[in-house]
Amino acid sequence: MSGLSLDPEQLDRYSRHIIMDDVGPAGQQRLLDSRILCLGAGGLGSPVIQYLAAAGVGTIGIADDDVVERSNLQRQVIHGESDIGRSKVESAADFVAEQNPDVTVETHETRVTSENVEDLIGEYDIVVDGSDNFATRYLVNDACTLAGVPFSHGAILRFEGQVTTFEAREDGPCYRCLFPEAPPAGTVPSCAEAGVLGVLPGTVGCIQATEAVKLAMDYGETLDGRLILYDAGDMTFDTVEVRKNPDCPVCGEDPDIESVHDVTYEDTCSVDAD
């Protein structure tokens, strides 16, 4: 961490952080020095980007290859009517620039693949996964676990969401400990097929942003080892314990996955057969 160097405007902007004993000037400086990658600038990425920027995360990377559509605006709250047709990373960068001039945005207008994921995550301290498909979720898990980069996972559908964090600890679980392989194609509909409550990603994304902020400040306990299941219809939160699987193909005792190039990230996202 660099020396404390908050200027008068920063002391004013972050005053509600600074007066907290558990944050203070040192905690705020950690946020300003941190580099966090947001994968996706859509439903989950919108609240993540919004709150990380407001909190003063110094560098936010945003990776997305999509453009803003009118149907996005029901839930993707950092984009507006005038952004329709624009790339989401450009729209998100403009939103952050207006919200907090302290924040540097690094845009990556690209789809995350096995060819670029290692270079992408290698530039950041923390990853927040707001992707909307299983192939990317497994790819991000494998890349972050192998590289030792902590990441927050979120997923949403209809009225339900789930969120957890994986700190990439030697004795901690990963996403494949929870779900070794993706479900068969066609068994889980997408939001475009089944719909999603507009406010749902706000709740899940805010939890992901909270986890990222705590990781950046090295404060408190994360959801590592726990999965929150949120039902907006019943307004209930359930917590499921997630244990490390000794037979996990990526973080187990005798892993089959030593590189993201060992996996075909489609269908079941399983290890390539010899």
Protein backbone atom coordinates (compact mmCIF):
# COMPACT_ATOMS: atom_id res chain seq x y z
CA MET A 1 0.00 0.00 0.00
CA SER A 2 1.29 3.46 -0.83
CA GLY A 3 1.53 6.18 1.80
CA LEU A 4 -1.62 7.90 2.98
CA SER A 5 -2.20 10.83 0.66
CA LEU A 6 -5.88 11.72 0.75
CA ASP A 7 -6.53 15.24 -0.47
CA PRO A 8 -9.26 17.54 0.94
CA GLU A 9 -11.81 16.52 -1.69
CA GLN A 10 -11.18 12.83 -0.97
CA LEU A 11 -11.46 13.44 2.77
CA ASP A 12 -14.87 14.96 2.05
CA ARG A 13 -16.00 12.37 -0.52
CA TYR A 14 -15.09 9.37 1.64
CA SER A 15 -15.81 10.96 5.02
CA ARG A 16 -18.41 8.33 5.98
CA HIS A 17 -15.77 5.66 5.43
CA ILE A 18 -13.01 7.55 7.15
CA ILE A 19 -14.93 8.15 10.39
CA MET A 20 -15.44 4.38 10.76
CA ASP A 21 -12.83 2.86 13.05
CA ASP A 22 -12.80 -0.31 10.92
CA VAL A 23 -12.04 1.61 7.73
CA GLY A 24 -10.41 4.95 8.46
CA PRO A 25 -7.89 6.68 6.17
CA ALA A 26 -5.81 3.49 5.84
CA GLY A 27 -8.78 1.42 4.68
CA GLN A 28 -9.80 4.07 2.19
CA GLN A 29 -6.25 4.20 0.87
CA ARG A 30 -6.36 0.43 0.35
CA LEU A 31 -9.48 0.88 -1.77
CA LEU A 32 -7.83 3.64 -3.80
CA ASP A 33 -4.81 1.40 -4.36
CA SER A 34 -6.85 -1.67 -5.34
CA ARG A 35 -7.45 -3.08 -8.81
CA ILE A 36 -10.71 -4.99 -9.34
CA LEU A 37 -11.91 -6.65 -12.55
CA CYS A 38 -15.65 -6.78 -13.26
CA LEU A 39 -16.57 -9.44 -15.79
CA GLY A 40 -19.79 -8.20 -17.31
CA ALA A 41 -21.39 -4.75 -17.35
CA GLY A 42 -24.96 -6.02 -17.34
CA GLY A 43 -27.44 -6.89 -14.61
CA LEU A 44 -24.92 -7.95 -11.97
CA GLY A 45 -22.07 -5.82 -13.25
CA SER A 46 -24.12 -2.61 -13.07
CA PRO A 47 -24.51 -2.44 -9.26
CA VAL A 48 -21.01 -3.85 -8.78
CA ILE A 49 -19.45 -1.15 -10.93
CA GLN A 50 -21.64 1.56 -9.42
CA TYR A 51 -20.77 0.77 -5.81
CA LEU A 52 -17.10 -0.03 -6.37
CA ALA A 53 -16.71 3.33 -8.07
CA ALA A 54 -18.60 5.13 -5.32
CA ALA A 55 -16.44 3.43 -2.70
CA GLY A 56 -13.29 4.72 -4.36
CA VAL A 57 -11.78 1.57 -5.81
CA GLY A 58 -8.83 3.10 -7.64
CA THR A 59 -8.85 0.97 -10.77
CA ILE A 60 -11.85 -0.89 -12.12
CA GLY A 61 -11.45 -3.16 -15.14
CA ILE A 62 -14.62 -3.83 -17.11
CA ALA A 63 -14.78 -6.72 -19.60
CA ASP A 64 -17.82 -7.12 -21.85
CA ASP A 65 -18.31 -7.53 -25.59
CA ASP A 66 -22.00 -6.63 -25.71
CA VAL A 67 -23.89 -3.46 -26.64
CA VAL A 68 -26.72 -1.78 -24.74
CA GLU A 69 -30.21 -2.81 -25.81
CA ARG A 70 -33.51 -1.34 -24.68
CA SER A 71 -34.45 -4.62 -22.97
CA ASN A 72 -31.37 -4.21 -20.75
CA LEU A 73 -32.63 -1.02 -19.12
CA GLN A 74 -35.14 -2.81 -16.87
CA ARG A 75 -32.24 -3.98 -14.67
CA GLN A 76 -28.88 -2.70 -15.98
CA VAL A 77 -29.01 0.56 -14.07
CA ILE A 78 -25.75 2.21 -15.19
CA HIS A 79 -27.01 2.43 -18.78
CA GLY A 80 -29.70 4.75 -20.11
CA GLU A 81 -31.85 5.42 -23.16
CA SER A 82 -29.11 7.46 -24.84
CA ASP A 83 -26.68 4.50 -24.49
CA ILE A 84 -28.73 2.13 -26.66
CA GLY A 85 -26.44 0.77 -29.36
CA ARG A 86 -23.25 1.75 -27.53
CA SER A 87 -20.79 -0.78 -26.21
CA LYS A 88 -21.49 -1.55 -22.58
CA VAL A 89 -17.89 -0.96 -21.54
CA GLU A 90 -17.94 2.56 -23.02
CA SER A 91 -21.29 3.34 -21.40
CA ALA A 92 -20.06 1.98 -18.05
CA ALA A 93 -16.82 3.97 -18.27
CA ASP A 94 -18.76 7.19 -18.87
CA PHE A 95 -21.00 6.41 -15.90
CA VAL A 96 -18.00 5.94 -13.61
CA ALA A 97 -16.29 9.09 -14.88
CA GLU A 98 -19.35 11.11 -13.92
CA GLN A 99 -19.71 9.38 -10.56
CA ASN A 100 -16.14 9.50 -9.27
CA PRO A 101 -13.15 11.15 -10.95
CA ASP A 102 -10.78 9.30 -8.59
CA VAL A 103 -11.45 6.03 -10.41
CA THR A 104 -9.50 4.84 -13.42
CA VAL A 105 -11.53 2.56 -15.71
CA GLU A 106 -9.75 0.05 -17.91
CA THR A 107 -12.10 -1.19 -20.63
CA HIS A 108 -11.79 -4.61 -22.22
CA GLU A 109 -14.31 -4.82 -25.05
CA THR A 110 -13.94 -8.54 -25.52
CA ARG A 111 -15.51 -11.87 -24.73
CA VAL A 112 -13.62 -13.70 -22.00
CA THR A 113 -12.06 -16.85 -23.46
CA SER A 114 -9.41 -19.39 -22.56
CA GLU A 115 -7.07 -17.43 -24.83
CA ASN A 116 -7.29 -14.14 -22.93
CA VAL A 117 -8.54 -14.91 -19.42
CA GLU A 118 -5.11 -15.42 -17.86
CA ASP A 119 -3.82 -12.09 -19.13
CA LEU A 120 -7.01 -10.36 -18.02
CA ILE A 121 -7.10 -11.58 -14.43
CA GLY A 122 -3.33 -11.29 -14.10
CA GLU A 123 -3.69 -7.49 -14.11
CA TYR A 124 -6.02 -7.38 -11.09
CA ASP A 125 -6.15 -8.18 -7.37
CA ILE A 126 -9.79 -9.30 -7.24
CA VAL A 127 -12.33 -10.51 -9.81
CA VAL A 128 -16.10 -10.09 -9.68
CA ASP A 129 -17.87 -12.51 -12.00
CA GLY A 130 -21.14 -11.14 -13.33
CA SER A 131 -21.25 -13.41 -16.37
CA ASP A 132 -24.50 -14.95 -17.56
CA ASN A 133 -23.41 -18.36 -18.86
CA PHE A 134 -21.88 -21.52 -17.46
CA ALA A 135 -18.92 -21.64 -19.83
CA THR A 136 -17.59 -18.30 -18.58
CA ARG A 137 -18.28 -19.16 -14.93
CA TYR A 138 -16.23 -22.34 -15.14
CA LEU A 139 -13.50 -20.60 -17.11
CA VAL A 140 -13.25 -17.81 -14.53
CA ASN A 141 -13.23 -20.30 -11.67
CA ASP A 142 -10.46 -22.37 -13.19
CA ALA A 143 -8.32 -19.38 -14.14
CA CYS A 144 -8.71 -17.62 -10.78
CA THR A 145 -8.20 -20.81 -8.76
CA LEU A 146 -5.04 -21.72 -10.66
CA ALA A 147 -3.69 -18.16 -10.40
CA GLY A 148 -4.64 -17.71 -6.73
CA VAL A 149 -6.87 -14.70 -7.45
CA PRO A 150 -9.96 -14.31 -5.21
CA PHE A 151 -13.29 -13.87 -6.97
CA SER A 152 -16.95 -13.33 -6.20
CA HIS A 153 -19.57 -15.38 -8.05
CA GLY A 154 -23.17 -14.34 -8.61
CA ALA A 155 -26.05 -15.76 -10.66
CA ILE A 156 -29.69 -14.74 -11.13
CA LEU A 157 -32.86 -16.13 -12.74
CA ARG A 158 -36.51 -15.15 -12.40
CA PHE A 159 -36.92 -14.35 -8.67
CA GLU A 160 -33.88 -16.24 -7.42
CA GLY A 161 -30.21 -15.48 -7.02
CA GLN A 162 -27.08 -16.99 -5.55
CA VAL A 163 -23.79 -15.49 -4.46
CA THR A 164 -20.56 -16.71 -2.92
CA THR A 165 -16.88 -15.84 -2.81
CA PHE A 166 -13.84 -18.01 -3.42
CA GLU A 167 -10.63 -16.68 -1.92
CA ALA A 168 -8.44 -19.23 -3.72
CA ARG A 169 -7.08 -20.48 -0.40
CA GLU A 170 -5.17 -23.76 -0.41
CA ASP A 171 -7.67 -25.27 2.02
CA GLY A 172 -10.72 -23.51 0.57
CA PRO A 173 -13.28 -24.65 -2.02
CA CYS A 174 -13.80 -23.48 -5.59
CA TYR A 175 -16.84 -23.35 -7.86
CA ARG A 176 -16.13 -26.89 -9.12
CA CYS A 177 -16.24 -28.20 -5.55
CA LEU A 178 -19.86 -27.05 -5.58
CA PHE A 179 -20.69 -27.93 -9.19
CA PRO A 180 -18.05 -30.24 -10.75
CA GLU A 181 -19.54 -29.89 -14.23
CA ALA A 182 -22.07 -27.66 -15.95
CA PRO A 183 -25.64 -28.94 -16.33
CA PRO A 184 -26.54 -30.41 -19.71
CA ALA A 185 -27.27 -27.84 -22.39
CA GLY A 186 -30.90 -26.73 -22.44
CA THR A 187 -31.74 -27.79 -18.87
CA VAL A 188 -31.27 -24.33 -17.31
CA PRO A 189 -32.87 -21.44 -19.22
CA SER A 190 -31.17 -18.09 -19.61
CA CYS A 191 -32.64 -14.80 -18.36
CA ALA A 192 -33.54 -14.00 -21.97
CA GLU A 193 -35.57 -17.21 -22.09
CA ALA A 194 -37.09 -17.26 -18.60
CA GLY A 195 -36.95 -13.63 -17.47
CA VAL A 196 -35.56 -11.96 -14.37
CA LEU A 197 -37.03 -9.59 -11.80
CA GLY A 198 -35.47 -6.21 -12.53
CA VAL A 199 -34.39 -5.45 -8.96
CA LEU A 200 -32.97 -8.93 -8.30
CA PRO A 201 -29.48 -8.29 -9.74
CA GLY A 202 -29.28 -5.18 -7.59
CA THR A 203 -29.45 -7.27 -4.44
CA VAL A 204 -27.03 -9.96 -5.62
CA GLY A 205 -24.65 -7.48 -7.23
CA CYS A 206 -24.53 -5.35 -4.09
CA ILE A 207 -23.50 -8.41 -2.08
CA GLN A 208 -20.76 -9.10 -4.63
CA ALA A 209 -19.57 -5.49 -4.39
CA THR A 210 -19.54 -5.76 -0.59
CA GLU A 211 -17.39 -8.86 -0.80
CA ALA A 212 -14.95 -7.17 -3.17
CA VAL A 213 -14.66 -4.10 -0.94
CA LYS A 214 -13.96 -6.27 2.11
CA LEU A 215 -11.34 -8.23 0.22
CA ALA A 216 -9.69 -4.99 -0.92
CA MET A 217 -9.58 -3.68 2.64
CA ASP A 218 -8.71 -7.07 4.15
CA TYR A 219 -11.62 -6.69 6.55
CA GLY A 220 -14.12 -9.13 8.05
CA GLU A 221 -15.17 -12.53 6.78
CA THR A 222 -16.26 -13.23 3.23
CA LEU A 223 -18.64 -15.86 1.91
CA ASP A 224 -15.73 -18.20 1.21
CA GLY A 225 -17.12 -21.62 2.16
CA ARG A 226 -20.72 -20.41 2.10
CA LEU A 227 -23.30 -19.99 -0.66
CA ILE A 228 -26.23 -17.60 -0.18
CA LEU A 229 -29.47 -18.57 -1.91
CA TYR A 230 -31.84 -15.61 -2.20
CA ASP A 231 -35.53 -15.91 -3.08
CA ALA A 232 -36.99 -12.47 -3.76
CA GLY A 233 -40.50 -13.92 -4.05
CA ASP A 234 -40.50 -15.22 -0.49
CA MET A 235 -37.87 -12.70 0.71
CA THR A 236 -35.73 -15.44 2.22
CA PHE A 237 -32.00 -15.99 2.44
CA ASP A 238 -30.63 -19.49 2.95
CA THR A 239 -26.99 -20.33 3.47
CA VAL A 240 -25.40 -23.55 2.28
CA GLU A 241 -21.97 -24.69 3.45
CA VAL A 242 -19.48 -25.26 0.64
CA ARG A 243 -16.62 -27.60 1.48
CA LYS A 244 -13.46 -28.27 -0.42
CA ASN A 245 -13.80 -31.47 -2.46
CA PRO A 246 -10.61 -33.56 -2.30
CA ASP A 247 -11.59 -35.01 -5.70
CA CYS A 248 -12.17 -31.59 -7.29
CA PRO A 249 -10.68 -31.58 -10.80
CA VAL A 250 -9.05 -28.17 -10.34
CA CYS A 251 -8.22 -27.70 -6.62
CA GLY A 252 -8.34 -31.29 -5.32
CA GLU A 253 -5.54 -33.53 -4.15
CA ASP A 254 -4.87 -34.93 -7.63
CA PRO A 255 -6.26 -32.32 -10.04
CA ASP A 256 -6.95 -33.06 -13.69
CA ILE A 257 -7.00 -29.38 -14.64
CA GLU A 258 -3.63 -27.68 -14.56
CA SER A 259 -4.42 -25.07 -17.22
CA VAL A 260 -7.54 -23.53 -18.73
CA HIS A 261 -6.38 -25.12 -21.97
CA ASP A 262 -7.13 -28.54 -20.47
CA VAL A 263 -10.87 -27.86 -20.65
CA THR A 264 -13.38 -27.43 -23.45
CA TYR A 265 -15.56 -24.59 -22.15
CA GLU A 266 -18.81 -25.64 -23.73
CA ASP A 267 -21.41 -28.27 -22.93
CA THR A 268 -20.33 -29.70 -19.54
CA CYS A 269 -17.08 -27.68 -19.19
CA SER A 270 -15.25 -30.91 -18.38
CA VAL A 271 -11.65 -31.96 -18.88
CA ASP A 272 -10.77 -32.85 -22.43
CA ALA A 273 -10.69 -36.58 -23.05
CA ASP A 274 -7.34 -38.05 -24.16
